[in-house]
Amino acid sequence: MTDTLTFKLHRDSDVHIITIAEVKEVIPGKNFVTGVFKLTEGKTNLGNIVFDDAMNQWEYTALGDLTHKEAAIVATFIKDKVKERSV
């Protein structure tokens, strides 16, 4: 996965363009993946999706911006892109 992805979320008759940015910790000489992915739509912060170490379980850290079902769709998209990166 690249550092930033774009996801089109279809809600009712609208399409929402969500930017997904991978949060990394920088320690001199290394970048560490944290399992945290920041979601934004334009300048609006939609919260984070946070994965466990194995990328099996996730948590959405915002209130009300996305439904649980929408967050699950975005989390699956992220997980699939991370798998593509590791192949």
PDB file of N, CA and C in Angstrom:
ATOM      1  N   MET A   1       0.837  -1.171   0.000  1.00  0.00           N
ATOM      2  CA  MET A   1       0.000   0.000   0.000  1.00  0.00           C
ATOM      3  C   MET A   1       0.880   1.232   0.000  1.00  0.00           C
ATOM      4  N   THR A   2       0.470   2.251  -0.713  1.00  0.00           N
ATOM      5  CA  THR A   2       1.197   3.518  -0.664  1.00  0.00           C
ATOM      6  C   THR A   2       0.823   4.238   0.622  1.00  0.00           C
ATOM      7  N   ASP A   3       1.446   5.355   0.886  1.00  0.00           N
ATOM      8  CA  ASP A   3       1.162   6.091   2.110  1.00  0.00           C
ATOM      9  C   ASP A   3      -0.250   6.666   2.135  1.00  0.00           C
ATOM     10  N   THR A   4      -0.818   6.972   0.964  1.00  0.00           N
ATOM     11  CA  THR A   4      -2.159   7.548   0.885  1.00  0.00           C
ATOM     12  C   THR A   4      -2.970   6.834  -0.185  1.00  0.00           C
ATOM     13  N   LEU A   5      -4.224   6.534   0.155  1.00  0.00           N
ATOM     14  CA  LEU A   5      -5.158   5.913  -0.780  1.00  0.00           C
ATOM     15  C   LEU A   5      -6.420   6.746  -0.864  1.00  0.00           C
ATOM     16  N   THR A   6      -7.172   6.544  -1.937  1.00  0.00           N
ATOM     17  CA  THR A   6      -8.474   7.177  -2.082  1.00  0.00           C
ATOM     18  C   THR A   6      -9.520   6.087  -2.199  1.00  0.00           C
ATOM     19  N   PHE A   7     -10.622   6.246  -1.467  1.00  0.00           N
ATOM     20  CA  PHE A   7     -11.710   5.278  -1.480  1.00  0.00           C
ATOM     21  C   PHE A   7     -13.010   6.019  -1.765  1.00  0.00           C
ATOM     22  N   LYS A   8     -13.801   5.496  -2.679  1.00  0.00           N
ATOM     23  CA  LYS A   8     -15.107   6.088  -2.989  1.00  0.00           C
ATOM     24  C   LYS A   8     -16.179   5.341  -2.217  1.00  0.00           C
ATOM     25  N   LEU A   9     -16.812   6.036  -1.281  1.00  0.00           N
ATOM     26  CA  LEU A   9     -17.886   5.463  -0.480  1.00  0.00           C
ATOM     27  C   LEU A   9     -19.215   5.951  -1.042  1.00  0.00           C
ATOM     28  N   HIS A  10     -20.046   5.012  -1.433  1.00  0.00           N
ATOM     29  CA  HIS A  10     -21.366   5.349  -1.977  1.00  0.00           C
ATOM     30  C   HIS A  10     -22.381   5.306  -0.842  1.00  0.00           C
ATOM     31  N   ARG A  11     -22.981   6.467  -0.569  1.00  0.00           N
ATOM     32  CA  ARG A  11     -23.982   6.588   0.493  1.00  0.00           C
ATOM     33  C   ARG A  11     -25.206   7.264  -0.109  1.00  0.00           C
ATOM     34  N   ASP A  12     -26.328   6.556  -0.086  1.00  0.00           N
ATOM     35  CA  ASP A  12     -27.557   7.041  -0.721  1.00  0.00           C
ATOM     36  C   ASP A  12     -27.243   7.346  -2.181  1.00  0.00           C
ATOM     37  N   SER A  13     -27.485   8.555  -2.621  1.00  0.00           N
ATOM     38  CA  SER A  13     -27.188   8.891  -4.017  1.00  0.00           C
ATOM     39  C   SER A  13     -25.891   9.688  -4.140  1.00  0.00           C
ATOM     40  N   ASP A  14     -25.158   9.812  -3.053  1.00  0.00           N
ATOM     41  CA  ASP A  14     -23.913  10.581  -3.041  1.00  0.00           C
ATOM     42  C   ASP A  14     -22.695   9.677  -3.060  1.00  0.00           C
ATOM     43  N   VAL A  15     -21.609  10.209  -3.595  1.00  0.00           N
ATOM     44  CA  VAL A  15     -20.314   9.528  -3.537  1.00  0.00           C
ATOM     45  C   VAL A  15     -19.402  10.389  -2.672  1.00  0.00           C
ATOM     46  N   HIS A  16     -18.851   9.767  -1.637  1.00  0.00           N
ATOM     47  CA  HIS A  16     -17.935  10.463  -0.735  1.00  0.00           C
ATOM     48  C   HIS A  16     -16.526   9.973  -1.024  1.00  0.00           C
ATOM     49  N   ILE A  17     -15.619  10.912  -1.284  1.00  0.00           N
ATOM     50  CA  ILE A  17     -14.226  10.579  -1.567  1.00  0.00           C
ATOM     51  C   ILE A  17     -13.450  10.644  -0.252  1.00  0.00           C
ATOM     52  N   ILE A  18     -13.016   9.484   0.212  1.00  0.00           N
ATOM     53  CA  ILE A  18     -12.310   9.392   1.488  1.00  0.00           C
ATOM     54  C   ILE A  18     -10.826   9.163   1.218  1.00  0.00           C
ATOM     55  N   THR A  19     -10.006   9.979   1.826  1.00  0.00           N
ATOM     56  CA  THR A  19      -8.558   9.812   1.752  1.00  0.00           C
ATOM     57  C   THR A  19      -8.110   9.021   2.981  1.00  0.00           C
ATOM     58  N   ILE A  20      -7.306   8.009   2.733  1.00  0.00           N
ATOM     59  CA  ILE A  20      -6.808   7.141   3.795  1.00  0.00           C
ATOM     60  C   ILE A  20      -5.295   7.313   3.867  1.00  0.00           C
ATOM     61  N   ALA A  21      -4.813   7.776   5.010  1.00  0.00           N
ATOM     62  CA  ALA A  21      -3.379   7.998   5.193  1.00  0.00           C
ATOM     63  C   ALA A  21      -2.855   7.075   6.282  1.00  0.00           C
ATOM     64  N   GLU A  22      -1.817   6.332   5.944  1.00  0.00           N
ATOM     65  CA  GLU A  22      -1.185   5.431   6.904  1.00  0.00           C
ATOM     66  C   GLU A  22      -0.355   6.254   7.884  1.00  0.00           C
ATOM     67  N   VAL A  23      -0.565   6.039   9.175  1.00  0.00           N
ATOM     68  CA  VAL A  23       0.180   6.753  10.204  1.00  0.00           C
ATOM     69  C   VAL A  23       1.420   5.937  10.537  1.00  0.00           C
ATOM     70  N   LYS A  24       2.569   6.586  10.460  1.00  0.00           N
ATOM     71  CA  LYS A  24       3.838   5.906  10.753  1.00  0.00           C
ATOM     72  C   LYS A  24       4.558   6.630  11.884  1.00  0.00           C
ATOM     73  N   GLU A  25       5.258   5.866  12.691  1.00  0.00           N
ATOM     74  CA  GLU A  25       6.134   6.427  13.714  1.00  0.00           C
ATOM     75  C   GLU A  25       7.530   6.491  13.118  1.00  0.00           C
ATOM     76  N   VAL A  26       8.172   7.624  13.245  1.00  0.00           N
ATOM     77  CA  VAL A  26       9.514   7.781  12.701  1.00  0.00           C
ATOM     78  C   VAL A  26      10.513   7.788  13.839  1.00  0.00           C
ATOM     79  N   ILE A  27      11.432   6.852  13.760  1.00  0.00           N
ATOM     80  CA  ILE A  27      12.551   6.778  14.695  1.00  0.00           C
ATOM     81  C   ILE A  27      13.796   6.866  13.812  1.00  0.00           C
ATOM     82  N   PRO A  28      14.783   7.636  14.188  1.00  0.00           N
ATOM     83  CA  PRO A  28      15.939   7.807  13.305  1.00  0.00           C
ATOM     84  C   PRO A  28      16.380   6.509  12.638  1.00  0.00           C
ATOM     85  N   GLY A  29      16.346   6.533  11.319  1.00  0.00           N
ATOM     86  CA  GLY A  29      16.777   5.383  10.540  1.00  0.00           C
ATOM     87  C   GLY A  29      15.686   4.407  10.172  1.00  0.00           C
ATOM     88  N   LYS A  30      14.498   4.538  10.772  1.00  0.00           N
ATOM     89  CA  LYS A  30      13.424   3.584  10.493  1.00  0.00           C
ATOM     90  C   LYS A  30      12.056   4.249  10.568  1.00  0.00           C
ATOM     91  N   ASN A  31      11.118   3.732   9.767  1.00  0.00           N
ATOM     92  CA  ASN A  31       9.706   4.082   9.858  1.00  0.00           C
ATOM     93  C   ASN A  31       8.963   2.848  10.325  1.00  0.00           C
ATOM     94  N   PHE A  32       8.103   2.984  11.306  1.00  0.00           N
ATOM     95  CA  PHE A  32       7.340   1.860  11.810  1.00  0.00           C
ATOM     96  C   PHE A  32       5.865   2.052  11.464  1.00  0.00           C
ATOM     97  N   VAL A  33       5.254   1.020  10.914  1.00  0.00           N
ATOM     98  CA  VAL A  33       3.827   1.046  10.654  1.00  0.00           C
ATOM     99  C   VAL A  33       3.117   0.835  11.979  1.00  0.00           C
ATOM    100  N   THR A  34       2.105   1.648  12.244  1.00  0.00           N
ATOM    101  CA  THR A  34       1.427   1.602  13.537  1.00  0.00           C
ATOM    102  C   THR A  34       0.119   0.832  13.502  1.00  0.00           C
ATOM    103  N   GLY A  35      -0.410   0.549  12.318  1.00  0.00           N
ATOM    104  CA  GLY A  35      -1.729  -0.070  12.227  1.00  0.00           C
ATOM    105  C   GLY A  35      -2.841   0.951  12.316  1.00  0.00           C
ATOM    106  N   VAL A  36      -2.493   2.232  12.287  1.00  0.00           N
ATOM    107  CA  VAL A  36      -3.467   3.316  12.364  1.00  0.00           C
ATOM    108  C   VAL A  36      -3.586   3.956  10.991  1.00  0.00           C
ATOM    109  N   PHE A  37      -4.825   4.154  10.553  1.00  0.00           N
ATOM    110  CA  PHE A  37      -5.092   4.766   9.260  1.00  0.00           C
ATOM    111  C   PHE A  37      -6.064   5.924   9.462  1.00  0.00           C
ATOM    112  N   LYS A  38      -5.611   7.128   9.107  1.00  0.00           N
ATOM    113  CA  LYS A  38      -6.403   8.342   9.290  1.00  0.00           C
ATOM    114  C   LYS A  38      -7.314   8.529   8.087  1.00  0.00           C
ATOM    115  N   LEU A  39      -8.593   8.795   8.344  1.00  0.00           N
ATOM    116  CA  LEU A  39      -9.581   8.992   7.289  1.00  0.00           C
ATOM    117  C   LEU A  39     -10.000  10.453   7.240  1.00  0.00           C
ATOM    118  N   THR A  40     -10.005  11.015   6.035  1.00  0.00           N
ATOM    119  CA  THR A  40     -10.484  12.380   5.852  1.00  0.00           C
ATOM    120  C   THR A  40     -11.347  12.459   4.602  1.00  0.00           C
ATOM    121  N   GLU A  41     -12.247  13.427   4.599  1.00  0.00           N
ATOM    122  CA  GLU A  41     -13.015  13.754   3.405  1.00  0.00           C
ATOM    123  C   GLU A  41     -12.856  15.253   3.204  1.00  0.00           C
ATOM    124  N   GLY A  42     -12.045  15.617   2.208  1.00  0.00           N
ATOM    125  CA  GLY A  42     -11.689  17.025   2.065  1.00  0.00           C
ATOM    126  C   GLY A  42     -10.898  17.447   3.290  1.00  0.00           C
ATOM    127  N   LYS A  43     -11.369  18.500   3.964  1.00  0.00           N
ATOM    128  CA  LYS A  43     -10.692  18.969   5.173  1.00  0.00           C
ATOM    129  C   LYS A  43     -11.328  18.413   6.448  1.00  0.00           C
ATOM    130  N   THR A  44     -12.319  17.536   6.287  1.00  0.00           N
ATOM    131  CA  THR A  44     -13.030  16.983   7.435  1.00  0.00           C
ATOM    132  C   THR A  44     -12.359  15.699   7.925  1.00  0.00           C
ATOM    133  N   ASN A  45     -11.994  15.689   9.196  1.00  0.00           N
ATOM    134  CA  ASN A  45     -11.406  14.501   9.813  1.00  0.00           C
ATOM    135  C   ASN A  45     -12.533  13.523  10.133  1.00  0.00           C
ATOM    136  N   LEU A  46     -12.449  12.311   9.583  1.00  0.00           N
ATOM    137  CA  LEU A  46     -13.460  11.289   9.829  1.00  0.00           C
ATOM    138  C   LEU A  46     -13.038  10.298  10.893  1.00  0.00           C
ATOM    139  N   GLY A  47     -11.888  10.501  11.513  1.00  0.00           N
ATOM    140  CA  GLY A  47     -11.415   9.587  12.546  1.00  0.00           C
ATOM    141  C   GLY A  47     -10.367   8.630  12.012  1.00  0.00           C
ATOM    142  N   ASN A  48     -10.130   7.576  12.768  1.00  0.00           N
ATOM    143  CA  ASN A  48      -9.110   6.579  12.425  1.00  0.00           C
ATOM    144  C   ASN A  48      -9.702   5.186  12.421  1.00  0.00           C
ATOM    145  N   ILE A  49      -9.107   4.324  11.610  1.00  0.00           N
ATOM    146  CA  ILE A  49      -9.329   2.899  11.738  1.00  0.00           C
ATOM    147  C   ILE A  49      -8.017   2.329  12.251  1.00  0.00           C
ATOM    148  N   VAL A  50      -8.107   1.612  13.365  1.00  0.00           N
ATOM    149  CA  VAL A  50      -6.928   1.070  14.038  1.00  0.00           C
ATOM    150  C   VAL A  50      -7.009  -0.454  14.003  1.00  0.00           C
ATOM    151  N   PHE A  51      -5.970  -1.089  13.476  1.00  0.00           N
ATOM    152  CA  PHE A  51      -5.895  -2.546  13.383  1.00  0.00           C
ATOM    153  C   PHE A  51      -5.001  -3.107  14.474  1.00  0.00           C
ATOM    154  N   ASP A  52      -5.247  -4.385  14.821  1.00  0.00           N
ATOM    155  CA  ASP A  52      -4.334  -5.090  15.708  1.00  0.00           C
ATOM    156  C   ASP A  52      -3.075  -5.467  14.925  1.00  0.00           C
ATOM    157  N   ASP A  53      -2.106  -6.066  15.581  1.00  0.00           N
ATOM    158  CA  ASP A  53      -0.825  -6.395  14.947  1.00  0.00           C
ATOM    159  C   ASP A  53      -0.963  -7.317  13.747  1.00  0.00           C
ATOM    160  N   ALA A  54      -1.931  -8.213  13.763  1.00  0.00           N
ATOM    161  CA  ALA A  54      -2.107  -9.182  12.676  1.00  0.00           C
ATOM    162  C   ALA A  54      -3.078  -8.691  11.600  1.00  0.00           C
ATOM    163  N   MET A  55      -3.577  -7.466  11.747  1.00  0.00           N
ATOM    164  CA  MET A  55      -4.540  -6.890  10.799  1.00  0.00           C
ATOM    165  C   MET A  55      -5.831  -7.713  10.727  1.00  0.00           C
ATOM    166  N   ASN A  56      -6.181  -8.392  11.822  1.00  0.00           N
ATOM    167  CA  ASN A  56      -7.400  -9.190  11.846  1.00  0.00           C
ATOM    168  C   ASN A  56      -8.585  -8.430  12.431  1.00  0.00           C
ATOM    169  N   GLN A  57      -8.346  -7.695  13.491  1.00  0.00           N
ATOM    170  CA  GLN A  57      -9.414  -6.946  14.136  1.00  0.00           C
ATOM    171  C   GLN A  57      -9.149  -5.461  13.976  1.00  0.00           C
ATOM    172  N   TRP A  58     -10.230  -4.689  13.940  1.00  0.00           N
ATOM    173  CA  TRP A  58     -10.086  -3.254  13.765  1.00  0.00           C
ATOM    174  C   TRP A  58     -11.088  -2.529  14.650  1.00  0.00           C
ATOM    175  N   GLU A  59     -10.821  -1.243  14.835  1.00  0.00           N
ATOM    176  CA  GLU A  59     -11.707  -0.379  15.605  1.00  0.00           C
ATOM    177  C   GLU A  59     -11.793   0.962  14.888  1.00  0.00           C
ATOM    178  N   TYR A  60     -12.997   1.512  14.817  1.00  0.00           N
ATOM    179  CA  TYR A  60     -13.200   2.839  14.242  1.00  0.00           C
ATOM    180  C   TYR A  60     -13.290   3.820  15.396  1.00  0.00           C
ATOM    181  N   THR A  61     -12.470   4.877  15.371  1.00  0.00           N
ATOM    182  CA  THR A  61     -12.314   5.735  16.545  1.00  0.00           C
ATOM    183  C   THR A  61     -13.078   7.051  16.491  1.00  0.00           C
ATOM    184  N   ALA A  62     -14.031   7.193  15.591  1.00  0.00           N
ATOM    185  CA  ALA A  62     -14.809   8.430  15.538  1.00  0.00           C
ATOM    186  C   ALA A  62     -16.263   8.132  15.886  1.00  0.00           C
ATOM    187  N   LEU A  63     -17.007   9.171  16.152  1.00  0.00           N
ATOM    188  CA  LEU A  63     -18.405   9.004  16.523  1.00  0.00           C
ATOM    189  C   LEU A  63     -19.315   9.545  15.427  1.00  0.00           C
ATOM    190  N   GLY A  64     -20.014   8.659  14.751  1.00  0.00           N
ATOM    191  CA  GLY A  64     -21.088   9.079  13.871  1.00  0.00           C
ATOM    192  C   GLY A  64     -20.748   9.491  12.459  1.00  0.00           C
ATOM    193  N   ASP A  65     -19.474   9.652  12.120  1.00  0.00           N
ATOM    194  CA  ASP A  65     -19.148  10.064  10.763  1.00  0.00           C
ATOM    195  C   ASP A  65     -19.411   8.948   9.759  1.00  0.00           C
ATOM    196  N   LEU A  66     -19.077   7.733  10.129  1.00  0.00           N
ATOM    197  CA  LEU A  66     -19.353   6.555   9.304  1.00  0.00           C
ATOM    198  C   LEU A  66     -20.165   5.576  10.143  1.00  0.00           C
ATOM    199  N   THR A  67     -21.051   4.843   9.501  1.00  0.00           N
ATOM    200  CA  THR A  67     -21.738   3.775  10.216  1.00  0.00           C
ATOM    201  C   THR A  67     -20.756   2.625  10.423  1.00  0.00           C
ATOM    202  N   HIS A  68     -21.129   1.680  11.280  1.00  0.00           N
ATOM    203  CA  HIS A  68     -20.255   0.517  11.491  1.00  0.00           C
ATOM    204  C   HIS A  68     -20.079  -0.245  10.182  1.00  0.00           C
ATOM    205  N   LYS A  69     -21.141  -0.376   9.412  1.00  0.00           N
ATOM    206  CA  LYS A  69     -21.062  -1.092   8.136  1.00  0.00           C
ATOM    207  C   LYS A  69     -20.127  -0.370   7.166  1.00  0.00           C
ATOM    208  N   GLU A  70     -20.216   0.961   7.092  1.00  0.00           N
ATOM    209  CA  GLU A  70     -19.328   1.729   6.212  1.00  0.00           C
ATOM    210  C   GLU A  70     -17.873   1.608   6.667  1.00  0.00           C
ATOM    211  N   ALA A  71     -17.650   1.692   7.979  1.00  0.00           N
ATOM    212  CA  ALA A  71     -16.287   1.549   8.506  1.00  0.00           C
ATOM    213  C   ALA A  71     -15.739   0.159   8.194  1.00  0.00           C
ATOM    214  N   ALA A  72     -16.595  -0.863   8.250  1.00  0.00           N
ATOM    215  CA  ALA A  72     -16.161  -2.223   7.928  1.00  0.00           C
ATOM    216  C   ALA A  72     -15.747  -2.334   6.460  1.00  0.00           C
ATOM    217  N   ILE A  73     -16.466  -1.661   5.583  1.00  0.00           N
ATOM    218  CA  ILE A  73     -16.121  -1.662   4.152  1.00  0.00           C
ATOM    219  C   ILE A  73     -14.765  -1.003   3.948  1.00  0.00           C
ATOM    220  N   VAL A  74     -14.546   0.131   4.602  1.00  0.00           N
ATOM    221  CA  VAL A  74     -13.266   0.836   4.484  1.00  0.00           C
ATOM    222  C   VAL A  74     -12.145  -0.010   5.097  1.00  0.00           C
ATOM    223  N   ALA A  75     -12.388  -0.630   6.239  1.00  0.00           N
ATOM    224  CA  ALA A  75     -11.371  -1.471   6.889  1.00  0.00           C
ATOM    225  C   ALA A  75     -10.982  -2.648   5.996  1.00  0.00           C
ATOM    226  N   THR A  76     -11.953  -3.263   5.343  1.00  0.00           N
ATOM    227  CA  THR A  76     -11.661  -4.371   4.425  1.00  0.00           C
ATOM    228  C   THR A  76     -10.825  -3.889   3.251  1.00  0.00           C
ATOM    229  N   PHE A  77     -11.141  -2.721   2.725  1.00  0.00           N
ATOM    230  CA  PHE A  77     -10.372  -2.117   1.631  1.00  0.00           C
ATOM    231  C   PHE A  77      -8.918  -1.915   2.066  1.00  0.00           C
ATOM    232  N   ILE A  78      -8.719  -1.347   3.251  1.00  0.00           N
ATOM    233  CA  ILE A  78      -7.359  -1.111   3.765  1.00  0.00           C
ATOM    234  C   ILE A  78      -6.620  -2.434   3.929  1.00  0.00           C
ATOM    235  N   LYS A  79      -7.266  -3.399   4.552  1.00  0.00           N
ATOM    236  CA  LYS A  79      -6.641  -4.701   4.795  1.00  0.00           C
ATOM    237  C   LYS A  79      -6.213  -5.345   3.478  1.00  0.00           C
ATOM    238  N   ASP A  80      -7.061  -5.276   2.462  1.00  0.00           N
ATOM    239  CA  ASP A  80      -6.723  -5.843   1.160  1.00  0.00           C
ATOM    240  C   ASP A  80      -5.514  -5.139   0.539  1.00  0.00           C
ATOM    241  N   LYS A  81      -5.443  -3.826   0.672  1.00  0.00           N
ATOM    242  CA  LYS A  81      -4.306  -3.072   0.112  1.00  0.00           C
ATOM    243  C   LYS A  81      -3.014  -3.392   0.850  1.00  0.00           C
ATOM    244  N   VAL A  82      -3.095  -3.582   2.164  1.00  0.00           N
ATOM    245  CA  VAL A  82      -1.898  -3.952   2.928  1.00  0.00           C
ATOM    246  C   VAL A  82      -1.421  -5.332   2.508  1.00  0.00           C
ATOM    247  N   LYS A  83      -2.343  -6.267   2.275  1.00  0.00           N
ATOM    248  CA  LYS A  83      -1.967  -7.600   1.803  1.00  0.00           C
ATOM    249  C   LYS A  83      -1.285  -7.523   0.434  1.00  0.00           C
ATOM    250  N   GLU A  84      -1.826  -6.682  -0.458  1.00  0.00           N
ATOM    251  CA  GLU A  84      -1.205  -6.512  -1.792  1.00  0.00           C
ATOM    252  C   GLU A  84       0.240  -6.033  -1.655  1.00  0.00           C
ATOM    253  N   ARG A  85       0.461  -5.137  -0.720  1.00  0.00           N
ATOM    254  CA  ARG A  85       1.789  -4.567  -0.505  1.00  0.00           C
ATOM    255  C   ARG A  85       2.785  -5.625  -0.040  1.00  0.00           C
ATOM    256  N   SER A  86       2.304  -6.573   0.767  1.00  0.00           N
ATOM    257  CA  SER A  86       3.217  -7.557   1.345  1.00  0.00           C
ATOM    258  C   SER A  86       3.481  -8.749   0.418  1.00  0.00           C
ATOM    259  N   VAL A  87       2.818  -8.793  -0.725  1.00  0.00           N
ATOM    260  CA  VAL A  87       3.020  -9.923  -1.661  1.00  0.00           C
ATOM    261  C   VAL A  87       4.213  -9.662  -2.524  1.00  0.00           C
TER     262      VAL A  87
END
